[in-house]
Amino acid sequence: MEAGEQDLGERPPLAVPAPAVPDEAAEPLGVPTVTAVPDEAAELNELVHALLHGLRRDAAEHFGPTATTPGQQRLLRALQRAGAPSRLGELAQVLDVAPRSVTAKVDQAEADGQVRRVPDPADRRATLVELTPAGRDVLAQASAERSVGAAERLARLAPDERAELLRLLRVVASPVPPAGCTPTPAP
């Protein structure tokens, strides 16, 4: 572990600034008193970010640094999921970034041999982007590296804890709550 880093397994809960909520019972002079409310959403964001950063760091420690950035890998995964060559504008929408950002990423990926531009058969003026075999190899390697790190982190848990963690993550990651799932009100 590098200087300044903490092992997340031994890390106490994050101290996240909590939003202020007036305490109605403690207003003798008409000045609201503030009581802290835990910000679980901020903690979730922080923990997910720390987990993903840790997986990338673990992969780099085990396999050496990759030549692609996380943003480049997102671009390659978007092309892989599309299953066919895509226009730059479509990629920008999928990645939720400005079109000029996609152009820069495609330029770099093309220079690295991971994608190629091809003419759009439906529109001579347009260009499509497709993955190359080298781009597919980069994705396969990144996936294998992250799987090793994820397996090591899951191994910290008992089998029933792993099953429960994965079940809960599926619920939280789902764009729509599963049928019969009712949110638990905040305390």
N, C-alpha and C. Protein backbone atom coordinates (compact mmCIF):
# COMPACT_ATOMS: atom_id res chain seq x y z
N MET A 1 0.84 -1.17 0.00
CA MET A 1 0.00 0.00 0.00
C MET A 1 0.89 1.24 0.00
N GLU A 2 0.50 2.25 -0.78
CA GLU A 2 1.29 3.46 -0.88
C GLU A 2 1.01 4.39 0.29
N ALA A 3 1.94 5.33 0.49
CA ALA A 3 1.78 6.30 1.57
C ALA A 3 0.48 7.07 1.37
N GLY A 4 -0.22 7.29 2.45
CA GLY A 4 -1.45 8.07 2.40
C GLY A 4 -2.68 7.26 2.07
N GLU A 5 -2.53 5.97 1.71
CA GLU A 5 -3.69 5.14 1.38
C GLU A 5 -4.10 4.34 2.60
N GLN A 6 -5.38 4.00 2.66
CA GLN A 6 -5.89 3.19 3.74
C GLN A 6 -6.43 1.90 3.16
N ASP A 7 -6.38 0.85 3.94
CA ASP A 7 -7.01 -0.41 3.56
C ASP A 7 -8.49 -0.24 3.85
N LEU A 8 -9.33 -0.36 2.83
CA LEU A 8 -10.77 -0.13 3.00
C LEU A 8 -11.40 -1.15 3.94
N GLY A 9 -10.77 -2.32 4.07
CA GLY A 9 -11.30 -3.33 4.97
C GLY A 9 -11.21 -2.88 6.42
N GLU A 10 -10.30 -1.99 6.78
CA GLU A 10 -10.12 -1.55 8.14
C GLU A 10 -10.57 -0.11 8.32
N ARG A 11 -11.21 0.43 7.34
CA ARG A 11 -11.59 1.84 7.34
C ARG A 11 -12.87 2.05 8.11
N PRO A 12 -12.90 3.02 9.03
CA PRO A 12 -14.15 3.32 9.74
C PRO A 12 -15.13 3.96 8.78
N PRO A 13 -16.41 4.02 9.16
CA PRO A 13 -17.38 4.68 8.29
C PRO A 13 -16.93 6.10 7.98
N LEU A 14 -17.26 6.53 6.79
CA LEU A 14 -16.84 7.85 6.36
C LEU A 14 -17.50 8.94 7.17
N ALA A 15 -16.75 9.96 7.48
CA ALA A 15 -17.31 11.13 8.14
C ALA A 15 -17.75 12.08 7.03
N VAL A 16 -19.01 12.06 6.73
CA VAL A 16 -19.56 12.86 5.64
C VAL A 16 -20.37 13.99 6.24
N PRO A 17 -20.16 15.22 5.76
CA PRO A 17 -20.97 16.32 6.30
C PRO A 17 -22.45 16.02 6.09
N ALA A 18 -23.20 16.12 7.15
CA ALA A 18 -24.63 15.82 7.09
C ALA A 18 -25.43 17.09 6.87
N PRO A 19 -26.54 16.97 6.14
CA PRO A 19 -27.38 18.14 5.95
C PRO A 19 -27.99 18.55 7.30
N ALA A 20 -28.21 19.82 7.45
CA ALA A 20 -28.78 20.33 8.69
C ALA A 20 -30.29 20.19 8.67
N VAL A 21 -30.85 19.77 9.80
CA VAL A 21 -32.29 19.65 9.93
C VAL A 21 -32.68 20.37 11.22
N PRO A 22 -33.66 21.26 11.14
CA PRO A 22 -34.04 21.96 12.36
C PRO A 22 -34.63 21.01 13.39
N ASP A 23 -34.28 21.23 14.66
CA ASP A 23 -34.82 20.46 15.77
C ASP A 23 -35.91 21.32 16.39
N GLU A 24 -37.16 21.03 16.02
CA GLU A 24 -38.30 21.85 16.40
C GLU A 24 -38.46 21.96 17.92
N ALA A 25 -38.12 20.90 18.66
CA ALA A 25 -38.32 20.89 20.10
C ALA A 25 -37.34 21.81 20.83
N ALA A 26 -36.27 22.20 20.20
CA ALA A 26 -35.25 23.00 20.88
C ALA A 26 -35.21 24.43 20.35
N GLU A 27 -36.36 25.06 20.19
CA GLU A 27 -36.41 26.42 19.67
C GLU A 27 -36.98 27.39 20.69
N PRO A 28 -36.37 27.52 21.86
CA PRO A 28 -36.98 28.39 22.85
C PRO A 28 -36.99 29.86 22.43
N LEU A 29 -36.01 30.31 21.69
CA LEU A 29 -35.95 31.72 21.30
C LEU A 29 -36.29 31.92 19.83
N GLY A 30 -36.90 30.93 19.21
CA GLY A 30 -37.26 31.05 17.81
C GLY A 30 -36.08 30.79 16.86
N VAL A 31 -34.93 30.39 17.40
CA VAL A 31 -33.77 30.08 16.58
C VAL A 31 -33.66 28.57 16.48
N PRO A 32 -33.80 28.01 15.25
CA PRO A 32 -33.76 26.55 15.14
C PRO A 32 -32.37 26.01 15.51
N THR A 33 -32.40 24.91 16.24
CA THR A 33 -31.17 24.18 16.55
C THR A 33 -30.98 23.16 15.45
N VAL A 34 -29.74 22.81 15.14
CA VAL A 34 -29.47 21.89 14.04
C VAL A 34 -29.06 20.53 14.59
N THR A 35 -29.70 19.48 14.06
CA THR A 35 -29.36 18.11 14.40
C THR A 35 -28.83 17.44 13.15
N ALA A 36 -27.77 16.67 13.27
CA ALA A 36 -27.17 16.00 12.10
C ALA A 36 -28.01 14.80 11.69
N VAL A 37 -28.14 14.60 10.38
CA VAL A 37 -28.80 13.44 9.79
C VAL A 37 -27.76 12.75 8.92
N PRO A 38 -27.56 11.44 9.07
CA PRO A 38 -26.54 10.77 8.25
C PRO A 38 -26.88 10.86 6.77
N ASP A 39 -25.89 11.11 5.96
CA ASP A 39 -26.08 11.21 4.52
C ASP A 39 -25.63 9.89 3.88
N GLU A 40 -26.53 8.93 3.87
CA GLU A 40 -26.21 7.60 3.36
C GLU A 40 -25.93 7.62 1.87
N ALA A 41 -26.60 8.50 1.13
CA ALA A 41 -26.38 8.57 -0.31
C ALA A 41 -24.95 9.01 -0.61
N ALA A 42 -24.46 9.99 0.13
CA ALA A 42 -23.07 10.44 -0.06
C ALA A 42 -22.10 9.33 0.30
N GLU A 43 -22.39 8.60 1.36
CA GLU A 43 -21.51 7.49 1.75
C GLU A 43 -21.52 6.40 0.69
N LEU A 44 -22.70 6.08 0.13
CA LEU A 44 -22.77 5.09 -0.95
C LEU A 44 -21.91 5.53 -2.12
N ASN A 45 -22.04 6.79 -2.54
CA ASN A 45 -21.23 7.30 -3.65
C ASN A 45 -19.75 7.16 -3.35
N GLU A 46 -19.35 7.54 -2.15
CA GLU A 46 -17.95 7.47 -1.76
C GLU A 46 -17.44 6.03 -1.75
N LEU A 47 -18.24 5.12 -1.21
CA LEU A 47 -17.82 3.71 -1.14
C LEU A 47 -17.73 3.07 -2.52
N VAL A 48 -18.68 3.36 -3.39
CA VAL A 48 -18.62 2.81 -4.75
C VAL A 48 -17.40 3.35 -5.48
N HIS A 49 -17.16 4.65 -5.34
CA HIS A 49 -15.97 5.24 -5.97
C HIS A 49 -14.69 4.60 -5.41
N ALA A 50 -14.62 4.44 -4.10
CA ALA A 50 -13.43 3.84 -3.48
C ALA A 50 -13.24 2.40 -3.94
N LEU A 51 -14.34 1.65 -4.07
CA LEU A 51 -14.25 0.27 -4.53
C LEU A 51 -13.72 0.20 -5.96
N LEU A 52 -14.28 1.01 -6.85
CA LEU A 52 -13.82 1.00 -8.25
C LEU A 52 -12.38 1.45 -8.37
N HIS A 53 -12.02 2.48 -7.62
CA HIS A 53 -10.63 2.94 -7.61
C HIS A 53 -9.71 1.84 -7.08
N GLY A 54 -10.16 1.17 -6.03
CA GLY A 54 -9.37 0.07 -5.46
C GLY A 54 -9.19 -1.07 -6.44
N LEU A 55 -10.23 -1.40 -7.19
CA LEU A 55 -10.12 -2.48 -8.18
C LEU A 55 -9.12 -2.11 -9.26
N ARG A 56 -9.16 -0.84 -9.72
CA ARG A 56 -8.18 -0.41 -10.72
C ARG A 56 -6.76 -0.44 -10.15
N ARG A 57 -6.62 0.03 -8.91
CA ARG A 57 -5.30 0.05 -8.27
C ARG A 57 -4.78 -1.38 -8.07
N ASP A 58 -5.65 -2.28 -7.61
CA ASP A 58 -5.25 -3.68 -7.41
C ASP A 58 -4.81 -4.30 -8.73
N ALA A 59 -5.56 -4.03 -9.80
CA ALA A 59 -5.20 -4.59 -11.11
C ALA A 59 -3.84 -4.06 -11.54
N ALA A 60 -3.59 -2.78 -11.32
CA ALA A 60 -2.30 -2.20 -11.70
C ALA A 60 -1.17 -2.81 -10.89
N GLU A 61 -1.42 -3.08 -9.60
CA GLU A 61 -0.38 -3.70 -8.76
C GLU A 61 -0.09 -5.13 -9.18
N HIS A 62 -1.14 -5.88 -9.55
CA HIS A 62 -0.96 -7.28 -9.92
C HIS A 62 -0.44 -7.46 -11.35
N PHE A 63 -0.94 -6.63 -12.26
CA PHE A 63 -0.68 -6.86 -13.68
C PHE A 63 0.10 -5.73 -14.35
N GLY A 64 0.43 -4.70 -13.60
CA GLY A 64 1.11 -3.56 -14.18
C GLY A 64 0.10 -2.57 -14.71
N PRO A 65 0.51 -1.32 -14.89
CA PRO A 65 -0.44 -0.30 -15.37
C PRO A 65 -0.90 -0.61 -16.79
N THR A 66 -2.16 -0.30 -17.05
CA THR A 66 -2.69 -0.51 -18.40
C THR A 66 -2.40 0.74 -19.23
N ALA A 67 -2.41 0.54 -20.52
CA ALA A 67 -2.14 1.66 -21.44
C ALA A 67 -3.39 2.52 -21.66
N THR A 68 -4.53 2.06 -21.15
CA THR A 68 -5.76 2.80 -21.38
C THR A 68 -6.28 3.38 -20.07
N THR A 69 -6.93 4.52 -20.18
CA THR A 69 -7.54 5.16 -19.02
C THR A 69 -8.92 4.55 -18.80
N PRO A 70 -9.51 4.77 -17.63
CA PRO A 70 -10.89 4.29 -17.42
C PRO A 70 -11.86 4.86 -18.47
N GLY A 71 -11.65 6.12 -18.87
CA GLY A 71 -12.51 6.72 -19.91
C GLY A 71 -12.37 6.02 -21.25
N GLN A 72 -11.13 5.65 -21.60
CA GLN A 72 -10.90 4.90 -22.84
C GLN A 72 -11.59 3.54 -22.77
N GLN A 73 -11.50 2.90 -21.60
CA GLN A 73 -12.14 1.59 -21.45
C GLN A 73 -13.65 1.71 -21.56
N ARG A 74 -14.23 2.79 -21.03
CA ARG A 74 -15.68 3.01 -21.17
C ARG A 74 -16.06 3.12 -22.64
N LEU A 75 -15.24 3.84 -23.41
CA LEU A 75 -15.50 3.98 -24.84
C LEU A 75 -15.47 2.61 -25.52
N LEU A 76 -14.46 1.82 -25.23
CA LEU A 76 -14.34 0.50 -25.84
C LEU A 76 -15.51 -0.40 -25.44
N ARG A 77 -15.91 -0.34 -24.15
CA ARG A 77 -17.04 -1.16 -23.71
C ARG A 77 -18.34 -0.72 -24.40
N ALA A 78 -18.51 0.59 -24.60
CA ALA A 78 -19.72 1.08 -25.29
C ALA A 78 -19.76 0.54 -26.72
N LEU A 79 -18.62 0.54 -27.38
CA LEU A 79 -18.58 -0.01 -28.75
C LEU A 79 -18.86 -1.51 -28.73
N GLN A 80 -18.32 -2.21 -27.75
CA GLN A 80 -18.54 -3.65 -27.65
C GLN A 80 -20.03 -3.95 -27.42
N ARG A 81 -20.65 -3.20 -26.50
CA ARG A 81 -22.08 -3.41 -26.21
C ARG A 81 -22.94 -3.09 -27.42
N ALA A 82 -22.54 -2.08 -28.21
CA ALA A 82 -23.32 -1.71 -29.40
C ALA A 82 -23.38 -2.87 -30.39
N GLY A 83 -22.32 -3.65 -30.45
CA GLY A 83 -22.30 -4.81 -31.34
C GLY A 83 -22.14 -4.48 -32.81
N ALA A 84 -22.02 -3.21 -33.13
CA ALA A 84 -21.86 -2.78 -34.52
C ALA A 84 -21.16 -1.42 -34.51
N PRO A 85 -20.57 -1.04 -35.63
CA PRO A 85 -19.95 0.29 -35.68
C PRO A 85 -20.97 1.37 -35.31
N SER A 86 -20.48 2.41 -34.63
CA SER A 86 -21.36 3.48 -34.14
C SER A 86 -20.86 4.85 -34.58
N ARG A 87 -21.79 5.78 -34.69
CA ARG A 87 -21.44 7.18 -34.97
C ARG A 87 -20.93 7.83 -33.69
N LEU A 88 -20.11 8.86 -33.86
CA LEU A 88 -19.57 9.57 -32.72
C LEU A 88 -20.69 10.17 -31.86
N GLY A 89 -21.71 10.72 -32.47
CA GLY A 89 -22.83 11.30 -31.72
C GLY A 89 -23.55 10.27 -30.87
N GLU A 90 -23.71 9.05 -31.41
CA GLU A 90 -24.35 7.98 -30.64
C GLU A 90 -23.50 7.61 -29.43
N LEU A 91 -22.18 7.54 -29.65
CA LEU A 91 -21.27 7.23 -28.54
C LEU A 91 -21.33 8.32 -27.48
N ALA A 92 -21.38 9.56 -27.90
CA ALA A 92 -21.46 10.67 -26.94
C ALA A 92 -22.72 10.54 -26.08
N GLN A 93 -23.83 10.16 -26.71
CA GLN A 93 -25.07 9.98 -25.95
C GLN A 93 -24.95 8.83 -24.97
N VAL A 94 -24.44 7.70 -25.42
CA VAL A 94 -24.31 6.53 -24.56
C VAL A 94 -23.39 6.83 -23.38
N LEU A 95 -22.30 7.53 -23.64
CA LEU A 95 -21.32 7.84 -22.60
C LEU A 95 -21.71 9.07 -21.78
N ASP A 96 -22.73 9.79 -22.24
CA ASP A 96 -23.19 11.01 -21.58
C ASP A 96 -22.06 12.03 -21.45
N VAL A 97 -21.39 12.28 -22.57
CA VAL A 97 -20.31 13.27 -22.63
C VAL A 97 -20.50 14.14 -23.87
N ALA A 98 -19.78 15.24 -23.92
CA ALA A 98 -19.84 16.13 -25.07
C ALA A 98 -19.23 15.44 -26.29
N PRO A 99 -19.77 15.67 -27.49
CA PRO A 99 -19.23 15.04 -28.69
C PRO A 99 -17.72 15.28 -28.88
N ARG A 100 -17.22 16.45 -28.52
CA ARG A 100 -15.78 16.71 -28.70
C ARG A 100 -14.95 15.80 -27.79
N SER A 101 -15.51 15.41 -26.64
CA SER A 101 -14.79 14.48 -25.75
C SER A 101 -14.67 13.11 -26.41
N VAL A 102 -15.74 12.68 -27.07
CA VAL A 102 -15.71 11.39 -27.77
C VAL A 102 -14.70 11.45 -28.90
N THR A 103 -14.66 12.56 -29.62
CA THR A 103 -13.70 12.69 -30.72
C THR A 103 -12.28 12.52 -30.21
N ALA A 104 -11.97 13.16 -29.09
CA ALA A 104 -10.61 13.04 -28.52
C ALA A 104 -10.32 11.60 -28.10
N LYS A 105 -11.30 10.94 -27.49
CA LYS A 105 -11.10 9.55 -27.05
C LYS A 105 -10.94 8.61 -28.25
N VAL A 106 -11.75 8.83 -29.28
CA VAL A 106 -11.64 8.00 -30.49
C VAL A 106 -10.30 8.25 -31.17
N ASP A 107 -9.86 9.50 -31.23
CA ASP A 107 -8.55 9.80 -31.82
C ASP A 107 -7.45 9.02 -31.10
N GLN A 108 -7.48 9.02 -29.77
CA GLN A 108 -6.46 8.32 -29.00
C GLN A 108 -6.57 6.81 -29.20
N ALA A 109 -7.79 6.28 -29.13
CA ALA A 109 -7.98 4.84 -29.30
C ALA A 109 -7.58 4.39 -30.71
N GLU A 110 -7.82 5.25 -31.69
CA GLU A 110 -7.42 4.92 -33.06
C GLU A 110 -5.89 4.92 -33.17
N ALA A 111 -5.24 5.90 -32.54
CA ALA A 111 -3.77 5.95 -32.55
C ALA A 111 -3.18 4.73 -31.86
N ASP A 112 -3.90 4.19 -30.85
CA ASP A 112 -3.44 3.00 -30.13
C ASP A 112 -3.83 1.70 -30.84
N GLY A 113 -4.57 1.82 -31.96
CA GLY A 113 -4.96 0.63 -32.72
C GLY A 113 -6.15 -0.11 -32.15
N GLN A 114 -6.90 0.52 -31.22
CA GLN A 114 -8.01 -0.16 -30.56
C GLN A 114 -9.35 0.02 -31.29
N VAL A 115 -9.45 1.07 -32.10
CA VAL A 115 -10.65 1.30 -32.91
C VAL A 115 -10.20 1.76 -34.29
N ARG A 116 -11.14 1.72 -35.22
CA ARG A 116 -10.87 2.29 -36.55
C ARG A 116 -12.14 2.99 -37.02
N ARG A 117 -11.92 4.01 -37.83
CA ARG A 117 -13.03 4.73 -38.44
C ARG A 117 -13.32 4.07 -39.78
N VAL A 118 -14.61 3.89 -40.05
CA VAL A 118 -15.03 3.29 -41.31
C VAL A 118 -16.16 4.14 -41.90
N PRO A 119 -16.29 4.16 -43.23
CA PRO A 119 -17.38 4.95 -43.83
C PRO A 119 -18.74 4.35 -43.46
N ASP A 120 -19.70 5.22 -43.30
CA ASP A 120 -21.07 4.80 -43.01
C ASP A 120 -21.72 4.41 -44.34
N PRO A 121 -22.11 3.15 -44.51
CA PRO A 121 -22.68 2.74 -45.80
C PRO A 121 -24.01 3.44 -46.12
N ALA A 122 -24.69 3.94 -45.08
CA ALA A 122 -25.97 4.61 -45.30
C ALA A 122 -25.82 6.10 -45.59
N ASP A 123 -24.64 6.67 -45.31
CA ASP A 123 -24.42 8.10 -45.50
C ASP A 123 -22.94 8.34 -45.78
N ARG A 124 -22.62 8.64 -47.04
CA ARG A 124 -21.21 8.80 -47.44
C ARG A 124 -20.47 9.87 -46.65
N ARG A 125 -21.22 10.84 -46.12
CA ARG A 125 -20.58 11.94 -45.40
C ARG A 125 -20.23 11.57 -43.97
N ALA A 126 -20.84 10.52 -43.45
CA ALA A 126 -20.67 10.16 -42.04
C ALA A 126 -19.61 9.07 -41.88
N THR A 127 -19.06 9.03 -40.67
CA THR A 127 -18.05 8.03 -40.31
C THR A 127 -18.54 7.25 -39.11
N LEU A 128 -18.26 5.97 -39.11
CA LEU A 128 -18.57 5.11 -37.98
C LEU A 128 -17.27 4.70 -37.30
N VAL A 129 -17.38 4.27 -36.06
CA VAL A 129 -16.22 3.79 -35.30
C VAL A 129 -16.51 2.35 -34.91
N GLU A 130 -15.49 1.49 -35.11
CA GLU A 130 -15.66 0.09 -34.70
C GLU A 130 -14.43 -0.38 -33.93
N LEU A 131 -14.66 -1.38 -33.09
CA LEU A 131 -13.56 -1.99 -32.34
C LEU A 131 -12.67 -2.79 -33.27
N THR A 132 -11.39 -2.81 -32.96
CA THR A 132 -10.46 -3.67 -33.67
C THR A 132 -10.18 -4.88 -32.79
N PRO A 133 -9.54 -5.92 -33.33
CA PRO A 133 -9.16 -7.04 -32.47
C PRO A 133 -8.30 -6.59 -31.28
N ALA A 134 -7.43 -5.59 -31.48
CA ALA A 134 -6.62 -5.08 -30.36
C ALA A 134 -7.51 -4.45 -29.29
N GLY A 135 -8.56 -3.76 -29.69
CA GLY A 135 -9.50 -3.17 -28.73
C GLY A 135 -10.22 -4.24 -27.94
N ARG A 136 -10.61 -5.31 -28.62
CA ARG A 136 -11.27 -6.43 -27.92
C ARG A 136 -10.31 -7.08 -26.93
N ASP A 137 -9.04 -7.19 -27.30
CA ASP A 137 -8.03 -7.75 -26.39
C ASP A 137 -7.86 -6.89 -25.15
N VAL A 138 -7.85 -5.56 -25.33
CA VAL A 138 -7.73 -4.65 -24.18
C VAL A 138 -8.91 -4.86 -23.23
N LEU A 139 -10.11 -4.98 -23.77
CA LEU A 139 -11.29 -5.19 -22.93
C LEU A 139 -11.23 -6.54 -22.21
N ALA A 140 -10.80 -7.56 -22.90
CA ALA A 140 -10.70 -8.88 -22.27
C ALA A 140 -9.67 -8.86 -21.14
N GLN A 141 -8.54 -8.21 -21.37
CA GLN A 141 -7.50 -8.14 -20.34
C GLN A 141 -8.00 -7.34 -19.13
N ALA A 142 -8.63 -6.19 -19.37
CA ALA A 142 -9.14 -5.36 -18.28
C ALA A 142 -10.19 -6.12 -17.48
N SER A 143 -11.05 -6.84 -18.16
CA SER A 143 -12.09 -7.62 -17.48
C SER A 143 -11.47 -8.70 -16.60
N ALA A 144 -10.48 -9.40 -17.13
CA ALA A 144 -9.82 -10.46 -16.35
C ALA A 144 -9.13 -9.87 -15.13
N GLU A 145 -8.47 -8.74 -15.30
CA GLU A 145 -7.76 -8.11 -14.19
C GLU A 145 -8.73 -7.66 -13.10
N ARG A 146 -9.82 -7.06 -13.49
CA ARG A 146 -10.80 -6.60 -12.50
C ARG A 146 -11.48 -7.78 -11.81
N SER A 147 -11.69 -8.86 -12.55
CA SER A 147 -12.32 -10.04 -11.94
C SER A 147 -11.46 -10.61 -10.83
N VAL A 148 -10.14 -10.63 -11.04
CA VAL A 148 -9.24 -11.13 -10.00
C VAL A 148 -9.37 -10.26 -8.75
N GLY A 149 -9.32 -8.93 -8.93
CA GLY A 149 -9.44 -8.02 -7.79
C GLY A 149 -10.79 -8.14 -7.10
N ALA A 150 -11.86 -8.26 -7.87
CA ALA A 150 -13.19 -8.38 -7.28
C ALA A 150 -13.31 -9.68 -6.50
N ALA A 151 -12.76 -10.76 -7.04
CA ALA A 151 -12.81 -12.06 -6.34
C ALA A 151 -12.04 -11.98 -5.02
N GLU A 152 -10.90 -11.30 -5.03
CA GLU A 152 -10.12 -11.16 -3.80
C GLU A 152 -10.91 -10.37 -2.75
N ARG A 153 -11.60 -9.33 -3.18
CA ARG A 153 -12.38 -8.53 -2.23
C ARG A 153 -13.59 -9.31 -1.72
N LEU A 154 -14.25 -10.05 -2.59
CA LEU A 154 -15.40 -10.85 -2.16
C LEU A 154 -14.97 -11.96 -1.21
N ALA A 155 -13.75 -12.45 -1.36
CA ALA A 155 -13.24 -13.52 -0.49
C ALA A 155 -13.12 -13.07 0.96
N ARG A 156 -13.16 -11.77 1.21
CA ARG A 156 -13.11 -11.25 2.59
C ARG A 156 -14.41 -11.56 3.34
N LEU A 157 -15.46 -11.90 2.59
CA LEU A 157 -16.77 -12.14 3.18
C LEU A 157 -17.08 -13.63 3.25
N ALA A 158 -17.91 -14.00 4.20
CA ALA A 158 -18.42 -15.37 4.28
C ALA A 158 -19.37 -15.58 3.09
N PRO A 159 -19.58 -16.83 2.67
CA PRO A 159 -20.46 -17.08 1.52
C PRO A 159 -21.84 -16.44 1.62
N ASP A 160 -22.47 -16.50 2.80
CA ASP A 160 -23.79 -15.89 2.94
C ASP A 160 -23.72 -14.37 2.86
N GLU A 161 -22.63 -13.78 3.33
CA GLU A 161 -22.44 -12.33 3.22
C GLU A 161 -22.25 -11.92 1.76
N ARG A 162 -21.48 -12.71 1.00
CA ARG A 162 -21.29 -12.42 -0.43
C ARG A 162 -22.62 -12.46 -1.16
N ALA A 163 -23.41 -13.49 -0.88
CA ALA A 163 -24.71 -13.62 -1.55
C ALA A 163 -25.60 -12.43 -1.22
N GLU A 164 -25.60 -12.00 0.04
CA GLU A 164 -26.44 -10.87 0.45
C GLU A 164 -25.93 -9.57 -0.17
N LEU A 165 -24.61 -9.36 -0.19
CA LEU A 165 -24.05 -8.16 -0.80
C LEU A 165 -24.44 -8.08 -2.27
N LEU A 166 -24.27 -9.16 -3.00
CA LEU A 166 -24.61 -9.17 -4.42
C LEU A 166 -26.11 -8.96 -4.64
N ARG A 167 -26.93 -9.56 -3.79
CA ARG A 167 -28.38 -9.37 -3.91
C ARG A 167 -28.74 -7.90 -3.71
N LEU A 168 -28.17 -7.28 -2.68
CA LEU A 168 -28.47 -5.88 -2.41
C LEU A 168 -27.94 -4.97 -3.51
N LEU A 169 -26.77 -5.25 -4.04
CA LEU A 169 -26.22 -4.44 -5.13
C LEU A 169 -27.09 -4.54 -6.38
N ARG A 170 -27.65 -5.71 -6.64
CA ARG A 170 -28.55 -5.86 -7.79
C ARG A 170 -29.77 -4.97 -7.62
N VAL A 171 -30.29 -4.89 -6.40
CA VAL A 171 -31.45 -4.04 -6.14
C VAL A 171 -31.07 -2.58 -6.34
N VAL A 172 -29.94 -2.15 -5.76
CA VAL A 172 -29.52 -0.76 -5.83
C VAL A 172 -29.12 -0.37 -7.26
N ALA A 173 -28.49 -1.29 -7.99
CA ALA A 173 -28.02 -0.99 -9.35
C ALA A 173 -29.14 -1.01 -10.37
N SER A 174 -30.24 -1.66 -10.06
CA SER A 174 -31.35 -1.76 -11.00
C SER A 174 -31.96 -0.39 -11.25
N PRO A 175 -32.24 -0.06 -12.54
CA PRO A 175 -32.85 1.25 -12.82
C PRO A 175 -34.27 1.34 -12.25
N VAL A 176 -34.93 0.22 -12.07
CA VAL A 176 -36.29 0.18 -11.55
C VAL A 176 -36.31 -0.81 -10.39
N PRO A 177 -36.89 -0.44 -9.25
CA PRO A 177 -36.94 -1.39 -8.14
C PRO A 177 -37.65 -2.67 -8.55
N PRO A 178 -37.13 -3.82 -8.12
CA PRO A 178 -37.79 -5.08 -8.45
C PRO A 178 -39.22 -5.12 -7.87
N ALA A 179 -40.09 -5.89 -8.52
CA ALA A 179 -41.48 -6.02 -8.07
C ALA A 179 -41.49 -6.48 -6.61
N GLY A 180 -42.34 -5.87 -5.84
CA GLY A 180 -42.47 -6.23 -4.44
C GLY A 180 -41.45 -5.57 -3.53
N CYS A 181 -40.55 -4.77 -4.11
CA CYS A 181 -39.53 -4.09 -3.31
C CYS A 181 -40.08 -2.75 -2.86
N THR A 182 -40.23 -2.58 -1.57
CA THR A 182 -40.68 -1.30 -1.06
C THR A 182 -39.53 -0.63 -0.32
N PRO A 183 -39.28 0.63 -0.61
CA PRO A 183 -38.19 1.32 0.07
C PRO A 183 -38.42 1.40 1.57
N THR A 184 -37.35 1.27 2.31
CA THR A 184 -37.41 1.42 3.76
C THR A 184 -37.29 2.90 4.07
N PRO A 185 -38.23 3.45 4.82
CA PRO A 185 -38.13 4.88 5.12
C PRO A 185 -36.91 5.17 5.96
N ALA A 186 -36.33 6.35 5.72
CA ALA A 186 -35.15 6.78 6.49
C ALA A 186 -35.58 7.05 7.92
N PRO A 187 -34.69 6.78 8.90
CA PRO A 187 -35.06 7.01 10.30
C PRO A 187 -35.26 8.47 10.58
